[in-house]
Amino acid sequence: MSANNAHGNYSNYYTKRQASLIVGDRRVDLLPLEWIQSKKVLDIGCNAGFVSVEIAQRMSPESVLGVDIDPSLIKRCETHLAYVHSLQAPSVDENYPTVPQPNYFPIALPKIHGFIPLSESRPSSRTGFPRNISFRAADWVVDTLEEDQAGYDLILALSLTKWIHLHHADSGLMAFFKKIYTHLTPGGRLVLEPQSFKGYKDAAKKAGSANSPDGSRLRSNLKTLKLRPEDFGDALVGLGFKRAGALRAGPGEDRMEGEGEADEELKGFDRPIEVYVKPSSII
């Protein structure tokens, strides 16, 4: 793993999931529409934007913000957004937007004729896809974004906790959870897909050479960790969250084959996805 992958930001993370352009990401299928429709959504660690874009296109949120620490991945998000937008059916009436019809045009069409410019579809006076989605290159663990101030109704943290835990240790992970709680609206939900602790050691080892800043820091942090993924639920409850069950696809439905460190991530799409709610009121 190169230093550029030290945050789990694999450039080919979704390469073997290109079929999701047609069938979608099953993790999105697990999310009830009422959690998203007309809601504000934050996707932390959005990678190439597959989940963010699918939610924005299919589920009519008020807004989706995808955040990733890697600027090169944010560029890929914008490219993916333009590609998906170029494939959907033309709107019959822009003044009365409906849920877009995806994959209306052949997938080769944008490659032949180019993308439909997003700027033509994003005047501020209109709503709906693709005007309801944006991306930011930022480390949300430590950076404050303008959008944070209004809060979010749904925050996604999918296949992310291992990297935050390794980079920021127990205290940083707890600060991350607390920040999520702070920026969720009352009644808002955290959808969390924690990774197994067994993958931490390999991730730290492959983050860089023994003398590299990333490699040495991650290996040093790993030795200090007391929290385990099975402890996260209690930690979140301690911050004020309420457990709201778990979502899971059918056995093996999302298993993918991969190589190296990314293999755990590719196979991890059938991990239980935990849901936590910020209470509407505190008694």
C-alpha atoms as a PDB file:
ATOM      1  CA  MET A   1       0.000   0.000   0.000  1.00  0.00           C
ATOM      2  CA  SER A   2       1.378   3.424  -0.856  1.00  0.00           C
ATOM      3  CA  ALA A   3       1.265   6.364   1.483  1.00  0.00           C
ATOM      4  CA  ASN A   4      -1.588   7.694  -0.609  1.00  0.00           C
ATOM      5  CA  ASN A   5      -3.688   4.767   0.608  1.00  0.00           C
ATOM      6  CA  ALA A   6      -2.925   5.311   4.271  1.00  0.00           C
ATOM      7  CA  HIS A   7      -6.488   6.461   4.928  1.00  0.00           C
ATOM      8  CA  GLY A   8      -8.102   3.546   3.073  1.00  0.00           C
ATOM      9  CA  ASN A   9      -8.613   5.764   0.036  1.00  0.00           C
ATOM     10  CA  TYR A  10      -8.008   3.081  -2.590  1.00  0.00           C
ATOM     11  CA  SER A  11      -8.250   4.497  -6.097  1.00  0.00           C
ATOM     12  CA  ASN A  12      -9.750   1.205  -7.326  1.00  0.00           C
ATOM     13  CA  TYR A  13     -11.964   0.617  -4.287  1.00  0.00           C
ATOM     14  CA  TYR A  14     -15.128   0.402  -6.394  1.00  0.00           C
ATOM     15  CA  THR A  15     -13.518  -0.739  -9.644  1.00  0.00           C
ATOM     16  CA  LYS A  16     -15.002  -4.210  -9.370  1.00  0.00           C
ATOM     17  CA  ARG A  17     -18.383  -2.701  -8.484  1.00  0.00           C
ATOM     18  CA  GLN A  18     -18.954  -0.995 -11.844  1.00  0.00           C
ATOM     19  CA  ALA A  19     -22.120  -3.068 -12.131  1.00  0.00           C
ATOM     20  CA  SER A  20     -23.531  -0.752  -9.474  1.00  0.00           C
ATOM     21  CA  LEU A  21     -24.207   1.688 -12.305  1.00  0.00           C
ATOM     22  CA  ILE A  22     -26.910  -0.754 -13.345  1.00  0.00           C
ATOM     23  CA  VAL A  23     -28.009  -2.602 -10.207  1.00  0.00           C
ATOM     24  CA  GLY A  24     -26.964  -0.118  -7.529  1.00  0.00           C
ATOM     25  CA  ASP A  25     -25.148  -0.570  -4.238  1.00  0.00           C
ATOM     26  CA  ARG A  26     -27.078  -2.961  -2.009  1.00  0.00           C
ATOM     27  CA  ARG A  27     -26.184  -0.939   1.045  1.00  0.00           C
ATOM     28  CA  VAL A  28     -28.275   1.875  -0.403  1.00  0.00           C
ATOM     29  CA  ASP A  29     -31.126  -0.590  -0.907  1.00  0.00           C
ATOM     30  CA  LEU A  30     -31.077  -1.271   2.830  1.00  0.00           C
ATOM     31  CA  LEU A  31     -31.777   2.363   3.692  1.00  0.00           C
ATOM     32  CA  PRO A  32     -35.485   3.192   4.141  1.00  0.00           C
ATOM     33  CA  LEU A  33     -36.683   5.981   1.867  1.00  0.00           C
ATOM     34  CA  GLU A  34     -38.144   7.955   4.765  1.00  0.00           C
ATOM     35  CA  TRP A  35     -34.668   8.325   6.267  1.00  0.00           C
ATOM     36  CA  ILE A  36     -33.491  10.164   3.158  1.00  0.00           C
ATOM     37  CA  GLN A  37     -36.335  11.739   1.201  1.00  0.00           C
ATOM     38  CA  SER A  38     -36.259  15.523   1.716  1.00  0.00           C
ATOM     39  CA  LYS A  39     -33.450  15.049   4.267  1.00  0.00           C
ATOM     40  CA  LYS A  40     -29.892  16.351   4.537  1.00  0.00           C
ATOM     41  CA  VAL A  41     -27.328  13.544   4.152  1.00  0.00           C
ATOM     42  CA  LEU A  42     -23.593  13.483   4.887  1.00  0.00           C
ATOM     43  CA  ASP A  43     -21.455  10.653   3.465  1.00  0.00           C
ATOM     44  CA  ILE A  44     -18.095  10.659   5.279  1.00  0.00           C
ATOM     45  CA  GLY A  45     -15.295   8.906   3.409  1.00  0.00           C
ATOM     46  CA  CYS A  46     -17.332   8.875   0.200  1.00  0.00           C
ATOM     47  CA  ASN A  47     -14.440   7.494  -1.907  1.00  0.00           C
ATOM     48  CA  ALA A  48     -15.449   7.625  -5.601  1.00  0.00           C
ATOM     49  CA  GLY A  49     -18.972   8.803  -4.780  1.00  0.00           C
ATOM     50  CA  PHE A  50     -20.955   5.739  -5.818  1.00  0.00           C
ATOM     51  CA  VAL A  51     -23.147   5.658  -2.708  1.00  0.00           C
ATOM     52  CA  SER A  52     -23.532   9.445  -2.521  1.00  0.00           C
ATOM     53  CA  VAL A  53     -24.593   9.772  -6.150  1.00  0.00           C
ATOM     54  CA  GLU A  54     -27.004   6.853  -5.996  1.00  0.00           C
ATOM     55  CA  ILE A  55     -28.723   8.302  -2.939  1.00  0.00           C
ATOM     56  CA  ALA A  56     -28.961  11.741  -4.551  1.00  0.00           C
ATOM     57  CA  GLN A  57     -30.406  10.346  -7.770  1.00  0.00           C
ATOM     58  CA  ARG A  58     -32.759   7.671  -6.465  1.00  0.00           C
ATOM     59  CA  MET A  59     -34.030   8.848  -3.093  1.00  0.00           C
ATOM     60  CA  SER A  60     -34.844  12.562  -3.459  1.00  0.00           C
ATOM     61  CA  PRO A  61     -32.871  13.968  -0.523  1.00  0.00           C
ATOM     62  CA  GLU A  62     -32.820  17.686   0.101  1.00  0.00           C
ATOM     63  CA  SER A  63     -29.050  17.522  -0.121  1.00  0.00           C
ATOM     64  CA  VAL A  64     -26.147  15.078  -0.100  1.00  0.00           C
ATOM     65  CA  LEU A  65     -22.621  16.080   0.834  1.00  0.00           C
ATOM     66  CA  GLY A  66     -19.854  13.585   0.082  1.00  0.00           C
ATOM     67  CA  VAL A  67     -16.577  14.170   1.912  1.00  0.00           C
ATOM     68  CA  ASP A  68     -13.253  12.422   1.392  1.00  0.00           C
ATOM     69  CA  ILE A  69      -9.737  13.243   2.533  1.00  0.00           C
ATOM     70  CA  ASP A  70      -8.267  12.500  -0.915  1.00  0.00           C
ATOM     71  CA  PRO A  71      -8.697  15.328  -3.483  1.00  0.00           C
ATOM     72  CA  SER A  72      -8.082  12.883  -6.349  1.00  0.00           C
ATOM     73  CA  LEU A  73     -11.078  10.846  -5.234  1.00  0.00           C
ATOM     74  CA  ILE A  74     -13.238  13.968  -5.081  1.00  0.00           C
ATOM     75  CA  LYS A  75     -12.339  14.560  -8.735  1.00  0.00           C
ATOM     76  CA  ARG A  76     -13.486  11.013  -9.439  1.00  0.00           C
ATOM     77  CA  CYS A  77     -16.723  11.751  -7.579  1.00  0.00           C
ATOM     78  CA  GLU A  78     -17.404  14.694  -9.880  1.00  0.00           C
ATOM     79  CA  THR A  79     -16.609  12.571 -12.928  1.00  0.00           C
ATOM     80  CA  HIS A  80     -18.882   9.793 -11.708  1.00  0.00           C
ATOM     81  CA  LEU A  81     -21.660  12.299 -11.039  1.00  0.00           C
ATOM     82  CA  ALA A  82     -21.339  13.718 -14.547  1.00  0.00           C
ATOM     83  CA  TYR A  83     -21.346  10.202 -16.005  1.00  0.00           C
ATOM     84  CA  VAL A  84     -24.459   9.078 -14.110  1.00  0.00           C
ATOM     85  CA  HIS A  85     -26.243  12.328 -14.900  1.00  0.00           C
ATOM     86  CA  SER A  86     -25.448  11.928 -18.597  1.00  0.00           C
ATOM     87  CA  LEU A  87     -27.041   8.466 -18.651  1.00  0.00           C
ATOM     88  CA  GLN A  88     -30.376   9.404 -17.103  1.00  0.00           C
ATOM     89  CA  ALA A  89     -33.521  10.197 -19.061  1.00  0.00           C
ATOM     90  CA  PRO A  90     -34.057  13.863 -19.944  1.00  0.00           C
ATOM     91  CA  SER A  91     -36.407  15.716 -17.620  1.00  0.00           C
ATOM     92  CA  VAL A  92     -39.850  16.259 -19.127  1.00  0.00           C
ATOM     93  CA  ASP A  93     -40.370  19.516 -17.245  1.00  0.00           C
ATOM     94  CA  GLU A  94     -37.546  21.124 -15.269  1.00  0.00           C
ATOM     95  CA  ASN A  95     -40.116  23.173 -13.331  1.00  0.00           C
ATOM     96  CA  TYR A  96     -41.638  19.982 -11.907  1.00  0.00           C
ATOM     97  CA  PRO A  97     -38.733  17.648 -11.206  1.00  0.00           C
ATOM     98  CA  THR A  98     -39.442  13.983 -10.619  1.00  0.00           C
ATOM     99  CA  VAL A  99     -37.244  11.094  -9.530  1.00  0.00           C
ATOM    100  CA  PRO A 100     -34.773  10.669 -12.414  1.00  0.00           C
ATOM    101  CA  GLN A 101     -34.862   7.572 -14.581  1.00  0.00           C
ATOM    102  CA  PRO A 102     -31.287   6.214 -14.406  1.00  0.00           C
ATOM    103  CA  ASN A 103     -29.413   4.314 -17.120  1.00  0.00           C
ATOM    104  CA  TYR A 104     -31.771   5.555 -19.831  1.00  0.00           C
ATOM    105  CA  PHE A 105     -28.986   5.937 -22.388  1.00  0.00           C
ATOM    106  CA  PRO A 106     -26.367   3.290 -23.293  1.00  0.00           C
ATOM    107  CA  ILE A 107     -23.376   3.429 -20.968  1.00  0.00           C
ATOM    108  CA  ALA A 108     -21.061   4.028 -23.935  1.00  0.00           C
ATOM    109  CA  LEU A 109     -22.846   7.220 -24.982  1.00  0.00           C
ATOM    110  CA  PRO A 110     -20.979   9.653 -22.691  1.00  0.00           C
ATOM    111  CA  LYS A 111     -17.688   8.126 -23.807  1.00  0.00           C
ATOM    112  CA  ILE A 112     -18.591   8.883 -27.412  1.00  0.00           C
ATOM    113  CA  HIS A 113     -20.300  12.268 -27.063  1.00  0.00           C
ATOM    114  CA  GLY A 114     -18.988  13.479 -23.723  1.00  0.00           C
ATOM    115  CA  PHE A 115     -20.833  14.378 -20.526  1.00  0.00           C
ATOM    116  CA  ILE A 116     -23.847  16.650 -20.270  1.00  0.00           C
ATOM    117  CA  PRO A 117     -22.419  19.702 -18.461  1.00  0.00           C
ATOM    118  CA  LEU A 118     -23.581  19.758 -14.869  1.00  0.00           C
ATOM    119  CA  SER A 119     -23.553  23.549 -14.900  1.00  0.00           C
ATOM    120  CA  GLU A 120     -26.539  23.488 -17.242  1.00  0.00           C
ATOM    121  CA  SER A 121     -28.527  21.510 -14.686  1.00  0.00           C
ATOM    122  CA  ARG A 122     -27.506  23.268 -11.473  1.00  0.00           C
ATOM    123  CA  PRO A 123     -29.128  26.723 -11.335  1.00  0.00           C
ATOM    124  CA  SER A 124     -29.756  27.631  -7.703  1.00  0.00           C
ATOM    125  CA  SER A 125     -33.466  28.205  -8.327  1.00  0.00           C
ATOM    126  CA  ARG A 126     -34.068  24.511  -9.028  1.00  0.00           C
ATOM    127  CA  THR A 127     -33.976  21.435  -6.861  1.00  0.00           C
ATOM    128  CA  GLY A 128     -33.413  17.723  -7.351  1.00  0.00           C
ATOM    129  CA  PHE A 129     -30.639  15.679  -8.909  1.00  0.00           C
ATOM    130  CA  PRO A 130     -27.909  16.644  -9.762  1.00  0.00           C
ATOM    131  CA  ARG A 131     -28.387  19.962  -7.959  1.00  0.00           C
ATOM    132  CA  ASN A 132     -28.873  18.200  -4.624  1.00  0.00           C
ATOM    133  CA  ILE A 133     -25.339  16.806  -4.326  1.00  0.00           C
ATOM    134  CA  SER A 134     -21.886  18.252  -3.762  1.00  0.00           C
ATOM    135  CA  PHE A 135     -18.458  16.983  -2.758  1.00  0.00           C
ATOM    136  CA  ARG A 136     -15.664  18.317  -0.560  1.00  0.00           C
ATOM    137  CA  ALA A 137     -12.042  17.280  -0.113  1.00  0.00           C
ATOM    138  CA  ALA A 138     -11.592  17.444   3.656  1.00  0.00           C
ATOM    139  CA  ASP A 139     -10.646  15.438   6.717  1.00  0.00           C
ATOM    140  CA  TRP A 140     -14.036  15.644   8.415  1.00  0.00           C
ATOM    141  CA  VAL A 141     -12.566  14.290  11.636  1.00  0.00           C
ATOM    142  CA  VAL A 142     -10.730  17.568  12.186  1.00  0.00           C
ATOM    143  CA  ASP A 143     -12.061  20.002   9.560  1.00  0.00           C
ATOM    144  CA  THR A 144     -15.165  22.143  10.024  1.00  0.00           C
ATOM    145  CA  LEU A 145     -17.349  22.605   6.951  1.00  0.00           C
ATOM    146  CA  GLU A 146     -19.884  25.339   6.336  1.00  0.00           C
ATOM    147  CA  GLU A 147     -22.597  22.732   5.774  1.00  0.00           C
ATOM    148  CA  ASP A 148     -22.027  21.300   9.265  1.00  0.00           C
ATOM    149  CA  GLN A 149     -23.686  24.293  10.890  1.00  0.00           C
ATOM    150  CA  ALA A 150     -27.162  23.428   9.593  1.00  0.00           C
ATOM    151  CA  GLY A 151     -26.784  19.818  10.697  1.00  0.00           C
ATOM    152  CA  TYR A 152     -27.619  16.548   8.971  1.00  0.00           C
ATOM    153  CA  ASP A 153     -30.574  14.183   9.226  1.00  0.00           C
ATOM    154  CA  LEU A 154     -28.508  11.161   8.194  1.00  0.00           C
ATOM    155  CA  ILE A 155     -24.764  10.594   8.462  1.00  0.00           C
ATOM    156  CA  LEU A 156     -23.110   7.637   6.735  1.00  0.00           C
ATOM    157  CA  ALA A 157     -19.813   6.243   8.017  1.00  0.00           C
ATOM    158  CA  LEU A 158     -19.285   3.178   5.829  1.00  0.00           C
ATOM    159  CA  SER A 159     -16.056   1.132   5.978  1.00  0.00           C
ATOM    160  CA  LEU A 160     -14.332   4.041   7.663  1.00  0.00           C
ATOM    161  CA  THR A 161     -13.797   3.494  11.387  1.00  0.00           C
ATOM    162  CA  LYS A 162     -10.617   1.410  11.039  1.00  0.00           C
ATOM    163  CA  TRP A 163      -8.774   4.248   9.361  1.00  0.00           C
ATOM    164  CA  ILE A 164      -9.965   6.920  11.765  1.00  0.00           C
ATOM    165  CA  HIS A 165      -9.096   4.644  14.681  1.00  0.00           C
ATOM    166  CA  LEU A 166      -5.583   3.961  13.380  1.00  0.00           C
ATOM    167  CA  HIS A 167      -4.829   7.579  12.528  1.00  0.00           C
ATOM    168  CA  HIS A 168      -6.397   9.251  15.555  1.00  0.00           C
ATOM    169  CA  ALA A 169      -6.347   6.482  18.201  1.00  0.00           C
ATOM    170  CA  ASP A 170      -9.114   5.925  20.757  1.00  0.00           C
ATOM    171  CA  SER A 171      -9.439   9.585  21.668  1.00  0.00           C
ATOM    172  CA  GLY A 172      -9.721  10.652  18.036  1.00  0.00           C
ATOM    173  CA  LEU A 173     -12.346   8.040  17.258  1.00  0.00           C
ATOM    174  CA  MET A 174     -14.395   9.151  20.260  1.00  0.00           C
ATOM    175  CA  ALA A 175     -14.039  12.769  19.132  1.00  0.00           C
ATOM    176  CA  PHE A 176     -15.289  11.686  15.702  1.00  0.00           C
ATOM    177  CA  PHE A 177     -18.345  10.012  17.227  1.00  0.00           C
ATOM    178  CA  LYS A 178     -19.011  13.073  19.379  1.00  0.00           C
ATOM    179  CA  LYS A 179     -18.761  15.351  16.346  1.00  0.00           C
ATOM    180  CA  ILE A 180     -21.299  13.185  14.520  1.00  0.00           C
ATOM    181  CA  TYR A 181     -23.653  13.465  17.493  1.00  0.00           C
ATOM    182  CA  THR A 182     -23.200  17.244  17.561  1.00  0.00           C
ATOM    183  CA  HIS A 183     -23.995  17.719  13.883  1.00  0.00           C
ATOM    184  CA  LEU A 184     -26.944  15.342  13.666  1.00  0.00           C
ATOM    185  CA  THR A 185     -30.325  16.992  13.946  1.00  0.00           C
ATOM    186  CA  PRO A 186     -32.584  15.736  16.773  1.00  0.00           C
ATOM    187  CA  GLY A 187     -33.997  12.410  15.604  1.00  0.00           C
ATOM    188  CA  GLY A 188     -31.182  12.089  13.059  1.00  0.00           C
ATOM    189  CA  ARG A 189     -29.469   8.778  12.343  1.00  0.00           C
ATOM    190  CA  LEU A 190     -25.916   7.521  12.138  1.00  0.00           C
ATOM    191  CA  VAL A 191     -25.455   4.558   9.787  1.00  0.00           C
ATOM    192  CA  LEU A 192     -22.193   2.903  10.788  1.00  0.00           C
ATOM    193  CA  GLU A 193     -20.355   0.058   9.057  1.00  0.00           C
ATOM    194  CA  PRO A 194     -17.422  -0.771  11.352  1.00  0.00           C
ATOM    195  CA  GLN A 195     -14.581  -2.944  10.122  1.00  0.00           C
ATOM    196  CA  SER A 196     -13.252  -5.967  11.966  1.00  0.00           C
ATOM    197  CA  PHE A 197     -10.282  -5.388  14.264  1.00  0.00           C
ATOM    198  CA  LYS A 198      -8.438  -8.278  12.620  1.00  0.00           C
ATOM    199  CA  GLY A 199      -7.723  -6.052   9.616  1.00  0.00           C
ATOM    200  CA  TYR A 200      -6.076  -3.289  11.641  1.00  0.00           C
ATOM    201  CA  LYS A 201      -2.634  -4.890  11.836  1.00  0.00           C
ATOM    202  CA  ASP A 202      -2.334  -5.496   8.105  1.00  0.00           C
ATOM    203  CA  ALA A 203      -3.606  -1.992   7.380  1.00  0.00           C
ATOM    204  CA  ALA A 204      -0.998  -0.435   9.652  1.00  0.00           C
ATOM    205  CA  LYS A 205       1.748  -2.630   8.208  1.00  0.00           C
ATOM    206  CA  LYS A 206       0.898  -1.765   4.621  1.00  0.00           C
ATOM    207  CA  ALA A 207       0.322   1.948   5.184  1.00  0.00           C
ATOM    208  CA  GLY A 208       3.987   2.652   4.513  1.00  0.00           C
ATOM    209  CA  SER A 209       7.509   1.584   5.291  1.00  0.00           C
ATOM    210  CA  ALA A 210       8.653   1.302   8.885  1.00  0.00           C
ATOM    211  CA  ASN A 211      10.375   4.669   8.565  1.00  0.00           C
ATOM    212  CA  SER A 212       7.536   6.496   6.801  1.00  0.00           C
ATOM    213  CA  PRO A 213       5.451   8.959   8.844  1.00  0.00           C
ATOM    214  CA  ASP A 214       2.182   7.170   8.080  1.00  0.00           C
ATOM    215  CA  GLY A 215       3.532   3.695   8.705  1.00  0.00           C
ATOM    216  CA  SER A 216       5.257   4.477  11.977  1.00  0.00           C
ATOM    217  CA  ARG A 217       2.351   6.526  13.332  1.00  0.00           C
ATOM    218  CA  LEU A 218      -0.258   3.905  12.541  1.00  0.00           C
ATOM    219  CA  ARG A 219       1.802   1.096  14.024  1.00  0.00           C
ATOM    220  CA  SER A 220       2.463   3.183  17.112  1.00  0.00           C
ATOM    221  CA  ASN A 221      -1.215   4.044  17.491  1.00  0.00           C
ATOM    222  CA  LEU A 222      -2.238   0.421  17.015  1.00  0.00           C
ATOM    223  CA  LYS A 223      -0.321  -0.561  20.142  1.00  0.00           C
ATOM    224  CA  THR A 224      -2.285   1.947  22.223  1.00  0.00           C
ATOM    225  CA  LEU A 225      -5.810   1.022  21.143  1.00  0.00           C
ATOM    226  CA  LYS A 226      -8.115  -0.186  23.897  1.00  0.00           C
ATOM    227  CA  LEU A 227     -11.421   0.179  22.086  1.00  0.00           C
ATOM    228  CA  ARG A 228     -12.552  -2.622  19.791  1.00  0.00           C
ATOM    229  CA  PRO A 229     -15.277  -2.457  17.137  1.00  0.00           C
ATOM    230  CA  GLU A 230     -17.572  -4.461  19.411  1.00  0.00           C
ATOM    231  CA  ASP A 231     -17.205  -1.632  21.956  1.00  0.00           C
ATOM    232  CA  PHE A 232     -18.358   1.102  19.592  1.00  0.00           C
ATOM    233  CA  GLY A 233     -22.041   0.615  20.367  1.00  0.00           C
ATOM    234  CA  ASP A 234     -21.569   1.170  24.088  1.00  0.00           C
ATOM    235  CA  ALA A 235     -19.331   4.148  23.357  1.00  0.00           C
ATOM    236  CA  LEU A 236     -21.995   5.723  21.165  1.00  0.00           C
ATOM    237  CA  VAL A 237     -24.701   5.098  23.748  1.00  0.00           C
ATOM    238  CA  GLY A 238     -22.448   6.763  26.290  1.00  0.00           C
ATOM    239  CA  LEU A 239     -22.419   9.873  24.108  1.00  0.00           C
ATOM    240  CA  GLY A 240     -26.214   9.979  24.022  1.00  0.00           C
ATOM    241  CA  PHE A 241     -27.123   7.842  21.015  1.00  0.00           C
ATOM    242  CA  LYS A 242     -29.806   5.178  21.121  1.00  0.00           C
ATOM    243  CA  ARG A 243     -29.323   1.857  19.373  1.00  0.00           C
ATOM    244  CA  ALA A 244     -31.734   1.375  16.479  1.00  0.00           C
ATOM    245  CA  GLY A 245     -30.832  -2.103  15.254  1.00  0.00           C
ATOM    246  CA  ALA A 246     -28.801  -3.211  12.260  1.00  0.00           C
ATOM    247  CA  LEU A 247     -29.238  -3.538   8.520  1.00  0.00           C
ATOM    248  CA  ARG A 248     -27.778  -6.403   6.558  1.00  0.00           C
ATOM    249  CA  ALA A 249     -27.949  -7.758   3.022  1.00  0.00           C
ATOM    250  CA  GLY A 250     -28.572 -11.436   2.459  1.00  0.00           C
ATOM    251  CA  PRO A 251     -25.629 -13.789   3.114  1.00  0.00           C
ATOM    252  CA  GLY A 252     -22.914 -13.326   0.521  1.00  0.00           C
ATOM    253  CA  GLU A 253     -24.923 -10.966  -1.661  1.00  0.00           C
ATOM    254  CA  ASP A 254     -22.251  -8.325  -1.644  1.00  0.00           C
ATOM    255  CA  ARG A 255     -19.122 -10.430  -1.402  1.00  0.00           C
ATOM    256  CA  MET A 256     -16.515  -9.341  -3.902  1.00  0.00           C
ATOM    257  CA  GLU A 257     -13.146 -10.761  -4.808  1.00  0.00           C
ATOM    258  CA  GLY A 258     -10.106  -8.532  -4.465  1.00  0.00           C
ATOM    259  CA  GLU A 259      -6.412  -8.485  -3.793  1.00  0.00           C
ATOM    260  CA  GLY A 260      -4.207  -7.302  -0.966  1.00  0.00           C
ATOM    261  CA  GLU A 261      -5.378  -4.971   1.778  1.00  0.00           C
ATOM    262  CA  ALA A 262      -8.411  -3.849  -0.202  1.00  0.00           C
ATOM    263  CA  ASP A 263      -9.701  -7.427  -0.177  1.00  0.00           C
ATOM    264  CA  GLU A 264     -11.168  -7.069   3.308  1.00  0.00           C
ATOM    265  CA  GLU A 265     -12.953  -3.918   2.215  1.00  0.00           C
ATOM    266  CA  LEU A 266     -14.324  -5.481  -0.951  1.00  0.00           C
ATOM    267  CA  LYS A 267     -15.538  -8.519   0.947  1.00  0.00           C
ATOM    268  CA  GLY A 268     -16.830  -6.317   3.716  1.00  0.00           C
ATOM    269  CA  PHE A 269     -19.937  -5.136   1.927  1.00  0.00           C
ATOM    270  CA  ASP A 270     -21.935  -7.852   3.710  1.00  0.00           C
ATOM    271  CA  ARG A 271     -20.902  -6.624   7.160  1.00  0.00           C
ATOM    272  CA  PRO A 272     -23.727  -5.724   9.530  1.00  0.00           C
ATOM    273  CA  ILE A 273     -24.568  -2.043   9.222  1.00  0.00           C
ATOM    274  CA  GLU A 274     -25.434  -0.545  12.588  1.00  0.00           C
ATOM    275  CA  VAL A 275     -27.924   2.266  13.117  1.00  0.00           C
ATOM    276  CA  TYR A 276     -27.901   4.790  15.959  1.00  0.00           C
ATOM    277  CA  VAL A 277     -30.356   7.612  16.601  1.00  0.00           C
ATOM    278  CA  LYS A 278     -29.846  10.962  18.264  1.00  0.00           C
ATOM    279  CA  PRO A 279     -32.897  11.379  20.530  1.00  0.00           C
ATOM    280  CA  SER A 280     -35.404  14.029  19.506  1.00  0.00           C
ATOM    281  CA  SER A 281     -35.388  15.343  23.055  1.00  0.00           C
ATOM    282  CA  ILE A 282     -33.302  14.819  26.151  1.00  0.00           C
ATOM    283  CA  ILE A 283     -35.241  14.055  29.311  1.00  0.00           C
END
